[in-house]
Amino acid sequence: MLTKAEQTAEFIVQTVAPIFNKNGYAATSLSDITKATGLTKGAIYGNFKNKEELAIAAFRMTEKNMLKRIADHQSLSDSPIEQLFLVTDFYKNYYNYTQEIGGCPVINMSIDSKHQNDVLFQYVQFSINKIQNNLSRLIDAGKESGEIKLDIDSMKYAKRLYSMITGAIFMTHTMEDNSYLIDTMDQIDRMIQTQLKQ
């Protein structure tokens, strides 16, 4: 069971995570945080050393929730190649999900932190590596199960697939048009079918 202090810290993170995700690190002020939580400055900084520490906690929570959704969707099949198709299926509905949380946390934080906060930017890079490694592991598992061609460079394809996914997410949010994601996921499905599948 969480202590009262831990409950307060969790409440703060859950409340401000969408604000950081939508507004960005620099544009989220302490007054935004106190207004949203209904807590004083002292209560905020009694739980977090500074705004950076709170922003990191908020990003990690948002990222964790996102990765859990992907993992849950992947788990609908035990087949590695089917799990790759489930990844693209997840991203076909990603725009609706990210509308609820203020946009894609990886893209938002990447753009926001690149030239402003090296520590936050490193967390974004770590997150991207996790996603790419997951895709690479799926491809490796598909090779082992005989579903994916053995001569496929797993990490090269993982990077290619995730680059296409993030490009489509960026265009979908920028143009407010989900067809970018739908079309790109269909294209990735064709790549999996024609280039990866054994």
N, C-alpha and C. Protein backbone atom coordinates (compact mmCIF):
# COMPACT_ATOMS: atom_id res chain seq x y z
N MET A 1 0.84 -1.20 0.00
CA MET A 1 0.00 0.00 0.00
C MET A 1 0.88 1.26 0.00
N LEU A 2 0.49 2.23 -0.81
CA LEU A 2 1.26 3.46 -0.91
C LEU A 2 1.09 4.33 0.33
N THR A 3 2.18 4.99 0.69
CA THR A 3 2.11 5.95 1.79
C THR A 3 1.38 7.20 1.28
N LYS A 4 1.02 8.08 2.21
CA LYS A 4 0.32 9.31 1.81
C LYS A 4 1.19 10.15 0.88
N ALA A 5 2.49 10.21 1.17
CA ALA A 5 3.42 10.97 0.33
C ALA A 5 3.49 10.36 -1.07
N GLU A 6 3.53 9.03 -1.14
CA GLU A 6 3.59 8.35 -2.44
C GLU A 6 2.30 8.56 -3.24
N GLN A 7 1.18 8.55 -2.52
CA GLN A 7 -0.12 8.80 -3.17
C GLN A 7 -0.18 10.21 -3.75
N THR A 8 0.35 11.17 -2.97
CA THR A 8 0.37 12.57 -3.43
C THR A 8 1.25 12.71 -4.66
N ALA A 9 2.43 12.09 -4.62
CA ALA A 9 3.37 12.16 -5.75
C ALA A 9 2.73 11.54 -7.01
N GLU A 10 2.04 10.42 -6.82
CA GLU A 10 1.38 9.75 -7.95
C GLU A 10 0.26 10.62 -8.51
N PHE A 11 -0.49 11.24 -7.63
CA PHE A 11 -1.57 12.14 -8.06
C PHE A 11 -1.00 13.31 -8.87
N ILE A 12 0.09 13.88 -8.40
CA ILE A 12 0.72 15.00 -9.10
C ILE A 12 1.14 14.57 -10.51
N VAL A 13 1.82 13.44 -10.60
CA VAL A 13 2.32 12.96 -11.90
C VAL A 13 1.16 12.69 -12.86
N GLN A 14 0.14 11.98 -12.38
CA GLN A 14 -1.00 11.66 -13.23
C GLN A 14 -1.73 12.91 -13.71
N THR A 15 -1.78 13.92 -12.85
CA THR A 15 -2.50 15.15 -13.20
C THR A 15 -1.72 16.00 -14.20
N VAL A 16 -0.41 16.10 -14.00
CA VAL A 16 0.36 17.01 -14.86
C VAL A 16 0.94 16.35 -16.11
N ALA A 17 0.93 15.01 -16.17
CA ALA A 17 1.50 14.34 -17.35
C ALA A 17 0.88 14.82 -18.66
N PRO A 18 -0.46 14.90 -18.77
CA PRO A 18 -1.03 15.39 -20.03
C PRO A 18 -0.68 16.85 -20.32
N ILE A 19 -0.46 17.64 -19.26
CA ILE A 19 -0.11 19.06 -19.44
C ILE A 19 1.30 19.18 -20.01
N PHE A 20 2.24 18.45 -19.44
CA PHE A 20 3.61 18.43 -19.97
C PHE A 20 3.60 17.91 -21.40
N ASN A 21 2.83 16.85 -21.65
CA ASN A 21 2.81 16.25 -22.98
C ASN A 21 2.27 17.21 -24.02
N LYS A 22 1.25 17.97 -23.64
CA LYS A 22 0.63 18.89 -24.60
C LYS A 22 1.40 20.20 -24.74
N ASN A 23 1.81 20.79 -23.62
CA ASN A 23 2.44 22.11 -23.65
C ASN A 23 3.95 22.07 -23.83
N GLY A 24 4.56 20.95 -23.43
CA GLY A 24 6.02 20.87 -23.46
C GLY A 24 6.63 21.29 -22.14
N TYR A 25 7.89 20.98 -21.97
CA TYR A 25 8.60 21.24 -20.71
C TYR A 25 8.70 22.74 -20.41
N ALA A 26 9.23 23.49 -21.39
CA ALA A 26 9.48 24.92 -21.17
C ALA A 26 8.19 25.70 -20.96
N ALA A 27 7.14 25.33 -21.70
CA ALA A 27 5.88 26.10 -21.65
C ALA A 27 4.98 25.72 -20.48
N THR A 28 5.34 24.66 -19.75
CA THR A 28 4.55 24.29 -18.57
C THR A 28 5.13 25.01 -17.36
N SER A 29 4.34 25.91 -16.80
CA SER A 29 4.82 26.72 -15.67
C SER A 29 4.41 26.10 -14.34
N LEU A 30 5.03 26.57 -13.30
CA LEU A 30 4.67 26.11 -11.96
C LEU A 30 3.21 26.45 -11.65
N SER A 31 2.75 27.59 -12.15
CA SER A 31 1.35 27.97 -11.90
C SER A 31 0.40 27.01 -12.62
N ASP A 32 0.79 26.50 -13.80
CA ASP A 32 -0.01 25.48 -14.50
C ASP A 32 -0.14 24.24 -13.62
N ILE A 33 0.98 23.88 -12.99
CA ILE A 33 1.03 22.67 -12.17
C ILE A 33 0.20 22.83 -10.90
N THR A 34 0.35 23.97 -10.22
CA THR A 34 -0.40 24.19 -8.97
C THR A 34 -1.90 24.34 -9.26
N LYS A 35 -2.22 24.99 -10.38
CA LYS A 35 -3.63 25.17 -10.74
C LYS A 35 -4.29 23.82 -11.04
N ALA A 36 -3.60 22.97 -11.79
CA ALA A 36 -4.16 21.67 -12.18
C ALA A 36 -4.31 20.73 -10.98
N THR A 37 -3.33 20.76 -10.08
CA THR A 37 -3.34 19.83 -8.94
C THR A 37 -4.10 20.37 -7.74
N GLY A 38 -4.24 21.71 -7.66
CA GLY A 38 -4.85 22.32 -6.49
C GLY A 38 -3.93 22.32 -5.28
N LEU A 39 -2.63 22.06 -5.54
CA LEU A 39 -1.64 22.01 -4.46
C LEU A 39 -0.76 23.26 -4.48
N THR A 40 -0.13 23.51 -3.38
CA THR A 40 0.77 24.67 -3.29
C THR A 40 2.13 24.33 -3.90
N LYS A 41 2.90 25.38 -4.14
CA LYS A 41 4.27 25.21 -4.64
C LYS A 41 5.08 24.34 -3.67
N GLY A 42 4.90 24.58 -2.39
CA GLY A 42 5.62 23.80 -1.37
C GLY A 42 5.26 22.32 -1.42
N ALA A 43 3.98 22.02 -1.67
CA ALA A 43 3.54 20.62 -1.76
C ALA A 43 4.13 19.94 -2.99
N ILE A 44 4.22 20.69 -4.09
CA ILE A 44 4.82 20.13 -5.32
C ILE A 44 6.29 19.82 -5.08
N TYR A 45 7.01 20.83 -4.58
CA TYR A 45 8.46 20.64 -4.40
C TYR A 45 8.81 19.86 -3.13
N GLY A 46 7.79 19.54 -2.34
CA GLY A 46 8.02 18.61 -1.24
C GLY A 46 8.08 17.18 -1.75
N ASN A 47 7.54 16.96 -2.96
CA ASN A 47 7.53 15.62 -3.56
C ASN A 47 8.52 15.47 -4.71
N PHE A 48 8.86 16.59 -5.34
CA PHE A 48 9.80 16.56 -6.46
C PHE A 48 10.84 17.65 -6.28
N LYS A 49 12.09 17.28 -6.56
CA LYS A 49 13.21 18.19 -6.35
C LYS A 49 13.06 19.47 -7.18
N ASN A 50 12.60 19.32 -8.42
CA ASN A 50 12.44 20.46 -9.31
C ASN A 50 11.50 20.10 -10.46
N LYS A 51 11.30 21.04 -11.36
CA LYS A 51 10.38 20.81 -12.48
C LYS A 51 10.89 19.71 -13.39
N GLU A 52 12.20 19.64 -13.57
CA GLU A 52 12.79 18.60 -14.43
C GLU A 52 12.47 17.20 -13.91
N GLU A 53 12.63 17.00 -12.62
CA GLU A 53 12.34 15.69 -12.03
C GLU A 53 10.87 15.33 -12.22
N LEU A 54 9.98 16.31 -12.06
CA LEU A 54 8.55 16.07 -12.27
C LEU A 54 8.26 15.77 -13.73
N ALA A 55 8.89 16.50 -14.65
CA ALA A 55 8.68 16.28 -16.09
C ALA A 55 9.15 14.88 -16.50
N ILE A 56 10.27 14.43 -15.93
CA ILE A 56 10.78 13.08 -16.22
C ILE A 56 9.79 12.03 -15.72
N ALA A 57 9.30 12.22 -14.50
CA ALA A 57 8.32 11.27 -13.93
C ALA A 57 7.05 11.24 -14.78
N ALA A 58 6.61 12.42 -15.24
CA ALA A 58 5.41 12.51 -16.07
C ALA A 58 5.62 11.81 -17.41
N PHE A 59 6.78 12.05 -18.04
CA PHE A 59 7.07 11.39 -19.32
C PHE A 59 7.14 9.88 -19.16
N ARG A 60 7.81 9.43 -18.10
CA ARG A 60 7.97 7.99 -17.88
C ARG A 60 6.62 7.31 -17.65
N MET A 61 5.71 7.99 -16.95
CA MET A 61 4.39 7.42 -16.72
C MET A 61 3.60 7.33 -18.03
N THR A 62 3.64 8.41 -18.82
CA THR A 62 2.93 8.43 -20.10
C THR A 62 3.49 7.37 -21.04
N GLU A 63 4.83 7.28 -21.07
CA GLU A 63 5.50 6.27 -21.91
C GLU A 63 5.14 4.86 -21.46
N LYS A 64 5.16 4.63 -20.16
CA LYS A 64 4.84 3.30 -19.61
C LYS A 64 3.42 2.88 -20.00
N ASN A 65 2.46 3.81 -19.89
CA ASN A 65 1.08 3.51 -20.27
C ASN A 65 0.97 3.19 -21.75
N MET A 66 1.71 3.94 -22.57
CA MET A 66 1.68 3.72 -24.01
C MET A 66 2.27 2.35 -24.36
N LEU A 67 3.43 2.03 -23.78
CA LEU A 67 4.08 0.75 -24.06
C LEU A 67 3.25 -0.43 -23.57
N LYS A 68 2.54 -0.23 -22.48
CA LYS A 68 1.66 -1.29 -21.97
C LYS A 68 0.51 -1.55 -22.94
N ARG A 69 -0.03 -0.49 -23.51
CA ARG A 69 -1.11 -0.66 -24.49
C ARG A 69 -0.62 -1.43 -25.72
N ILE A 70 0.59 -1.11 -26.18
CA ILE A 70 1.15 -1.83 -27.33
C ILE A 70 1.36 -3.30 -26.96
N ALA A 71 1.97 -3.54 -25.78
CA ALA A 71 2.24 -4.92 -25.34
C ALA A 71 0.96 -5.72 -25.18
N ASP A 72 -0.07 -5.10 -24.61
CA ASP A 72 -1.36 -5.78 -24.44
C ASP A 72 -1.96 -6.16 -25.79
N HIS A 73 -1.83 -5.26 -26.76
CA HIS A 73 -2.38 -5.53 -28.09
C HIS A 73 -1.58 -6.64 -28.78
N GLN A 74 -0.25 -6.59 -28.63
CA GLN A 74 0.61 -7.64 -29.20
C GLN A 74 0.28 -9.01 -28.64
N SER A 75 -0.11 -9.05 -27.37
CA SER A 75 -0.33 -10.33 -26.69
C SER A 75 -1.58 -11.06 -27.18
N LEU A 76 -2.31 -10.45 -28.13
CA LEU A 76 -3.49 -11.11 -28.69
C LEU A 76 -3.10 -12.31 -29.55
N SER A 77 -1.81 -12.43 -29.87
CA SER A 77 -1.32 -13.59 -30.63
C SER A 77 0.03 -14.03 -30.08
N ASP A 78 0.33 -15.33 -30.23
CA ASP A 78 1.65 -15.85 -29.83
C ASP A 78 2.61 -15.90 -31.01
N SER A 79 2.08 -15.66 -32.20
CA SER A 79 2.90 -15.73 -33.42
C SER A 79 3.66 -14.43 -33.62
N PRO A 80 5.00 -14.48 -33.74
CA PRO A 80 5.79 -13.25 -33.92
C PRO A 80 5.35 -12.42 -35.12
N ILE A 81 5.06 -13.07 -36.24
CA ILE A 81 4.66 -12.29 -37.42
C ILE A 81 3.28 -11.67 -37.22
N GLU A 82 2.40 -12.40 -36.56
CA GLU A 82 1.08 -11.83 -36.26
C GLU A 82 1.21 -10.68 -35.27
N GLN A 83 2.18 -10.77 -34.36
CA GLN A 83 2.40 -9.68 -33.41
C GLN A 83 2.89 -8.42 -34.13
N LEU A 84 3.68 -8.59 -35.19
CA LEU A 84 4.10 -7.44 -35.99
C LEU A 84 2.88 -6.77 -36.64
N PHE A 85 1.97 -7.60 -37.16
CA PHE A 85 0.73 -7.05 -37.73
C PHE A 85 -0.12 -6.37 -36.65
N LEU A 86 -0.07 -6.90 -35.44
CA LEU A 86 -0.82 -6.29 -34.33
C LEU A 86 -0.23 -4.94 -33.94
N VAL A 87 1.08 -4.78 -34.10
CA VAL A 87 1.71 -3.48 -33.84
C VAL A 87 1.15 -2.44 -34.80
N THR A 88 1.10 -2.78 -36.10
CA THR A 88 0.55 -1.82 -37.06
C THR A 88 -0.94 -1.59 -36.81
N ASP A 89 -1.64 -2.63 -36.38
CA ASP A 89 -3.05 -2.49 -36.06
C ASP A 89 -3.25 -1.52 -34.89
N PHE A 90 -2.36 -1.60 -33.90
CA PHE A 90 -2.42 -0.67 -32.76
C PHE A 90 -2.25 0.77 -33.24
N TYR A 91 -1.28 0.99 -34.12
CA TYR A 91 -1.00 2.36 -34.56
C TYR A 91 -2.08 2.92 -35.49
N LYS A 92 -2.90 2.07 -36.08
CA LYS A 92 -4.02 2.57 -36.89
C LYS A 92 -5.00 3.36 -36.02
N ASN A 93 -5.04 3.02 -34.73
CA ASN A 93 -5.95 3.71 -33.79
C ASN A 93 -5.19 4.64 -32.83
N TYR A 94 -3.93 4.86 -33.12
CA TYR A 94 -3.07 5.63 -32.22
C TYR A 94 -3.49 7.09 -32.11
N TYR A 95 -3.98 7.65 -33.21
CA TYR A 95 -4.36 9.08 -33.20
C TYR A 95 -5.45 9.34 -32.16
N ASN A 96 -6.46 8.48 -32.13
CA ASN A 96 -7.54 8.65 -31.15
C ASN A 96 -7.02 8.56 -29.73
N TYR A 97 -6.13 7.58 -29.49
CA TYR A 97 -5.55 7.41 -28.15
C TYR A 97 -4.74 8.64 -27.74
N THR A 98 -3.91 9.14 -28.64
CA THR A 98 -3.03 10.26 -28.28
C THR A 98 -3.80 11.59 -28.18
N GLN A 99 -4.96 11.66 -28.80
CA GLN A 99 -5.79 12.86 -28.64
C GLN A 99 -6.17 13.03 -27.17
N GLU A 100 -6.36 11.91 -26.46
CA GLU A 100 -6.77 11.94 -25.05
C GLU A 100 -5.65 12.44 -24.14
N ILE A 101 -4.38 12.22 -24.58
CA ILE A 101 -3.25 12.53 -23.68
C ILE A 101 -2.40 13.71 -24.16
N GLY A 102 -2.90 14.42 -25.19
CA GLY A 102 -2.19 15.63 -25.64
C GLY A 102 -1.18 15.40 -26.75
N GLY A 103 -1.29 14.27 -27.45
CA GLY A 103 -0.36 13.99 -28.55
C GLY A 103 0.56 12.82 -28.23
N CYS A 104 1.42 12.50 -29.20
CA CYS A 104 2.37 11.39 -29.02
C CYS A 104 3.47 11.81 -28.06
N PRO A 105 3.63 11.11 -26.93
CA PRO A 105 4.63 11.53 -25.95
C PRO A 105 6.06 11.49 -26.47
N VAL A 106 6.36 10.50 -27.30
CA VAL A 106 7.73 10.36 -27.82
C VAL A 106 8.07 11.52 -28.75
N ILE A 107 7.18 11.80 -29.70
CA ILE A 107 7.44 12.89 -30.64
C ILE A 107 7.40 14.25 -29.93
N ASN A 108 6.38 14.46 -29.10
CA ASN A 108 6.26 15.74 -28.39
C ASN A 108 7.49 16.05 -27.56
N MET A 109 7.91 15.06 -26.74
CA MET A 109 9.05 15.29 -25.85
C MET A 109 10.36 15.38 -26.62
N SER A 110 10.45 14.65 -27.72
CA SER A 110 11.66 14.70 -28.54
C SER A 110 11.87 16.10 -29.10
N ILE A 111 10.83 16.64 -29.71
CA ILE A 111 10.92 17.99 -30.30
C ILE A 111 11.14 19.03 -29.21
N ASP A 112 10.43 18.87 -28.10
CA ASP A 112 10.49 19.85 -27.02
C ASP A 112 11.85 19.87 -26.32
N SER A 113 12.44 18.69 -26.14
CA SER A 113 13.66 18.61 -25.30
C SER A 113 14.97 18.66 -26.08
N LYS A 114 14.92 18.46 -27.39
CA LYS A 114 16.14 18.34 -28.20
C LYS A 114 17.17 19.43 -27.91
N HIS A 115 16.75 20.68 -27.91
CA HIS A 115 17.70 21.78 -27.70
C HIS A 115 17.50 22.49 -26.36
N GLN A 116 16.66 21.89 -25.49
CA GLN A 116 16.37 22.57 -24.24
C GLN A 116 16.75 21.81 -22.98
N ASN A 117 16.70 20.47 -23.05
CA ASN A 117 16.95 19.70 -21.84
C ASN A 117 17.55 18.35 -22.19
N ASP A 118 18.86 18.23 -22.00
CA ASP A 118 19.57 17.01 -22.39
C ASP A 118 19.10 15.77 -21.63
N VAL A 119 18.74 15.94 -20.37
CA VAL A 119 18.32 14.79 -19.55
C VAL A 119 17.01 14.22 -20.08
N LEU A 120 16.04 15.10 -20.33
CA LEU A 120 14.76 14.66 -20.90
C LEU A 120 14.96 14.03 -22.27
N PHE A 121 15.85 14.62 -23.06
CA PHE A 121 16.10 14.11 -24.41
C PHE A 121 16.68 12.69 -24.35
N GLN A 122 17.52 12.43 -23.36
CA GLN A 122 18.08 11.08 -23.20
C GLN A 122 17.00 10.06 -22.86
N TYR A 123 15.99 10.48 -22.08
CA TYR A 123 14.87 9.59 -21.78
C TYR A 123 14.07 9.27 -23.05
N VAL A 124 13.93 10.25 -23.93
CA VAL A 124 13.23 10.02 -25.19
C VAL A 124 14.01 9.02 -26.05
N GLN A 125 15.33 9.21 -26.15
CA GLN A 125 16.16 8.27 -26.91
C GLN A 125 16.07 6.86 -26.34
N PHE A 126 16.06 6.75 -25.02
CA PHE A 126 15.93 5.46 -24.36
C PHE A 126 14.59 4.81 -24.72
N SER A 127 13.54 5.60 -24.74
CA SER A 127 12.21 5.12 -25.09
C SER A 127 12.17 4.60 -26.53
N ILE A 128 12.75 5.37 -27.45
CA ILE A 128 12.81 4.95 -28.86
C ILE A 128 13.58 3.65 -29.00
N ASN A 129 14.70 3.55 -28.29
CA ASN A 129 15.49 2.30 -28.34
C ASN A 129 14.68 1.11 -27.83
N LYS A 130 13.88 1.33 -26.78
CA LYS A 130 13.04 0.25 -26.25
C LYS A 130 12.06 -0.25 -27.31
N ILE A 131 11.43 0.69 -28.00
CA ILE A 131 10.44 0.33 -29.01
C ILE A 131 11.11 -0.39 -30.18
N GLN A 132 12.24 0.14 -30.63
CA GLN A 132 12.96 -0.50 -31.74
C GLN A 132 13.47 -1.88 -31.35
N ASN A 133 13.95 -2.01 -30.12
CA ASN A 133 14.43 -3.32 -29.64
C ASN A 133 13.29 -4.33 -29.58
N ASN A 134 12.10 -3.86 -29.20
CA ASN A 134 10.94 -4.74 -29.16
C ASN A 134 10.62 -5.27 -30.57
N LEU A 135 10.64 -4.37 -31.56
CA LEU A 135 10.39 -4.77 -32.94
C LEU A 135 11.47 -5.74 -33.43
N SER A 136 12.71 -5.43 -33.09
CA SER A 136 13.83 -6.30 -33.49
C SER A 136 13.69 -7.69 -32.88
N ARG A 137 13.29 -7.76 -31.60
CA ARG A 137 13.10 -9.05 -30.93
C ARG A 137 11.97 -9.85 -31.58
N LEU A 138 10.91 -9.15 -31.98
CA LEU A 138 9.81 -9.83 -32.66
C LEU A 138 10.29 -10.46 -33.97
N ILE A 139 11.10 -9.70 -34.71
CA ILE A 139 11.64 -10.22 -35.98
C ILE A 139 12.55 -11.41 -35.72
N ASP A 140 13.41 -11.31 -34.69
CA ASP A 140 14.29 -12.44 -34.32
C ASP A 140 13.47 -13.67 -33.96
N ALA A 141 12.40 -13.45 -33.18
CA ALA A 141 11.54 -14.57 -32.78
C ALA A 141 10.87 -15.19 -33.99
N GLY A 142 10.51 -14.35 -34.97
CA GLY A 142 9.91 -14.85 -36.20
C GLY A 142 10.88 -15.68 -37.02
N LYS A 143 12.16 -15.31 -36.98
CA LYS A 143 13.19 -16.12 -37.66
C LYS A 143 13.30 -17.50 -37.00
N GLU A 144 13.32 -17.48 -35.67
CA GLU A 144 13.46 -18.73 -34.91
C GLU A 144 12.27 -19.66 -35.13
N SER A 145 11.09 -19.07 -35.30
CA SER A 145 9.88 -19.89 -35.47
C SER A 145 9.64 -20.28 -36.93
N GLY A 146 10.50 -19.77 -37.82
CA GLY A 146 10.36 -20.10 -39.24
C GLY A 146 9.34 -19.26 -39.97
N GLU A 147 8.88 -18.17 -39.34
CA GLU A 147 7.86 -17.31 -39.96
C GLU A 147 8.49 -16.16 -40.77
N ILE A 148 9.74 -15.82 -40.44
CA ILE A 148 10.41 -14.69 -41.08
C ILE A 148 11.72 -15.17 -41.70
N LYS A 149 12.06 -14.61 -42.84
CA LYS A 149 13.27 -15.01 -43.57
C LYS A 149 14.51 -14.82 -42.70
N LEU A 150 15.40 -15.78 -42.76
CA LEU A 150 16.59 -15.77 -41.91
C LEU A 150 17.59 -14.68 -42.27
N ASP A 151 17.59 -14.23 -43.54
CA ASP A 151 18.60 -13.24 -43.96
C ASP A 151 18.18 -11.79 -43.66
N ILE A 152 17.04 -11.62 -42.99
CA ILE A 152 16.57 -10.27 -42.64
C ILE A 152 17.44 -9.70 -41.52
N ASP A 153 17.88 -8.45 -41.69
CA ASP A 153 18.61 -7.73 -40.63
C ASP A 153 17.55 -7.16 -39.67
N SER A 154 17.41 -7.80 -38.52
CA SER A 154 16.31 -7.47 -37.60
C SER A 154 16.29 -6.01 -37.16
N MET A 155 17.44 -5.51 -36.71
CA MET A 155 17.47 -4.13 -36.22
C MET A 155 17.30 -3.12 -37.35
N LYS A 156 17.84 -3.41 -38.49
CA LYS A 156 17.69 -2.51 -39.64
C LYS A 156 16.21 -2.36 -39.98
N TYR A 157 15.48 -3.48 -40.01
CA TYR A 157 14.05 -3.43 -40.31
C TYR A 157 13.26 -2.77 -39.18
N ALA A 158 13.67 -3.03 -37.94
CA ALA A 158 12.99 -2.41 -36.79
C ALA A 158 13.09 -0.89 -36.88
N LYS A 159 14.29 -0.39 -37.21
CA LYS A 159 14.48 1.06 -37.35
C LYS A 159 13.67 1.61 -38.52
N ARG A 160 13.64 0.87 -39.60
CA ARG A 160 12.89 1.29 -40.78
C ARG A 160 11.40 1.38 -40.46
N LEU A 161 10.87 0.34 -39.82
CA LEU A 161 9.45 0.30 -39.48
C LEU A 161 9.09 1.44 -38.52
N TYR A 162 9.93 1.64 -37.49
CA TYR A 162 9.59 2.68 -36.52
C TYR A 162 9.74 4.08 -37.10
N SER A 163 10.68 4.25 -38.03
CA SER A 163 10.81 5.54 -38.72
C SER A 163 9.55 5.85 -39.52
N MET A 164 9.02 4.83 -40.18
CA MET A 164 7.79 5.02 -40.95
C MET A 164 6.61 5.32 -40.02
N ILE A 165 6.56 4.62 -38.89
CA ILE A 165 5.48 4.83 -37.92
C ILE A 165 5.51 6.26 -37.37
N THR A 166 6.69 6.69 -36.93
CA THR A 166 6.78 8.04 -36.33
C THR A 166 6.52 9.14 -37.36
N GLY A 167 6.97 8.91 -38.59
CA GLY A 167 6.68 9.89 -39.65
C GLY A 167 5.19 10.03 -39.87
N ALA A 168 4.49 8.89 -39.87
CA ALA A 168 3.04 8.90 -40.06
C ALA A 168 2.33 9.55 -38.87
N ILE A 169 2.83 9.30 -37.66
CA ILE A 169 2.24 9.94 -36.47
C ILE A 169 2.40 11.46 -36.56
N PHE A 170 3.60 11.89 -36.92
CA PHE A 170 3.86 13.33 -37.05
C PHE A 170 2.92 13.97 -38.06
N MET A 171 2.78 13.35 -39.23
CA MET A 171 1.92 13.92 -40.27
C MET A 171 0.45 13.88 -39.86
N THR A 172 0.03 12.80 -39.22
CA THR A 172 -1.36 12.69 -38.77
C THR A 172 -1.71 13.80 -37.79
N HIS A 173 -0.81 14.05 -36.83
CA HIS A 173 -1.08 15.10 -35.84
C HIS A 173 -0.96 16.50 -36.45
N THR A 174 0.02 16.68 -37.32
CA THR A 174 0.21 18.00 -37.93
C THR A 174 -0.96 18.38 -38.84
N MET A 175 -1.40 17.40 -39.64
CA MET A 175 -2.47 17.66 -40.61
C MET A 175 -3.85 17.32 -40.06
N GLU A 176 -3.88 16.77 -38.85
CA GLU A 176 -5.14 16.34 -38.21
C GLU A 176 -5.94 15.43 -39.16
N ASP A 177 -5.22 14.43 -39.67
CA ASP A 177 -5.78 13.54 -40.68
C ASP A 177 -5.22 12.13 -40.45
N ASN A 178 -6.07 11.24 -39.95
CA ASN A 178 -5.64 9.89 -39.59
C ASN A 178 -5.28 9.03 -40.80
N SER A 179 -5.58 9.49 -42.01
CA SER A 179 -5.29 8.69 -43.20
C SER A 179 -3.79 8.45 -43.38
N TYR A 180 -2.95 9.37 -42.86
CA TYR A 180 -1.50 9.16 -42.95
C TYR A 180 -1.10 7.89 -42.19
N LEU A 181 -1.66 7.72 -40.99
CA LEU A 181 -1.35 6.52 -40.21
C LEU A 181 -1.94 5.27 -40.85
N ILE A 182 -3.18 5.34 -41.28
CA ILE A 182 -3.84 4.18 -41.88
C ILE A 182 -3.07 3.71 -43.11
N ASP A 183 -2.74 4.65 -44.01
CA ASP A 183 -2.05 4.31 -45.24
C ASP A 183 -0.66 3.75 -44.97
N THR A 184 0.06 4.36 -44.03
CA THR A 184 1.42 3.89 -43.73
C THR A 184 1.40 2.52 -43.07
N MET A 185 0.45 2.29 -42.18
CA MET A 185 0.35 0.96 -41.55
C MET A 185 0.00 -0.11 -42.59
N ASP A 186 -0.84 0.24 -43.56
CA ASP A 186 -1.14 -0.69 -44.66
C ASP A 186 0.12 -0.98 -45.47
N GLN A 187 0.93 0.04 -45.69
CA GLN A 187 2.18 -0.13 -46.43
C GLN A 187 3.15 -1.03 -45.65
N ILE A 188 3.23 -0.81 -44.33
CA ILE A 188 4.11 -1.67 -43.50
C ILE A 188 3.61 -3.10 -43.52
N ASP A 189 2.30 -3.29 -43.46
CA ASP A 189 1.74 -4.65 -43.54
C ASP A 189 2.17 -5.34 -44.84
N ARG A 190 2.16 -4.58 -45.95
CA ARG A 190 2.60 -5.16 -47.23
C ARG A 190 4.09 -5.50 -47.19
N MET A 191 4.88 -4.65 -46.53
CA MET A 191 6.32 -4.93 -46.37
C MET A 191 6.54 -6.22 -45.58
N ILE A 192 5.80 -6.37 -44.48
CA ILE A 192 5.93 -7.56 -43.64
C ILE A 192 5.56 -8.79 -44.48
N GLN A 193 4.50 -8.66 -45.26
CA GLN A 193 3.99 -9.79 -46.05
C GLN A 193 4.96 -10.17 -47.18
N THR A 194 5.51 -9.16 -47.84
CA THR A 194 6.33 -9.45 -49.04
C THR A 194 7.83 -9.52 -48.78
N GLN A 195 8.32 -8.77 -47.78
CA GLN A 195 9.76 -8.72 -47.56
C GLN A 195 10.24 -9.56 -46.37
N LEU A 196 9.39 -9.69 -45.34
CA LEU A 196 9.82 -10.39 -44.14
C LEU A 196 9.29 -11.83 -44.07
N LYS A 197 8.06 -12.01 -44.45
CA LYS A 197 7.40 -13.31 -44.27
C LYS A 197 8.10 -14.41 -45.07
N GLN A 198 8.29 -15.53 -44.42
CA GLN A 198 8.96 -16.68 -45.03
C GLN A 198 8.11 -17.29 -46.13
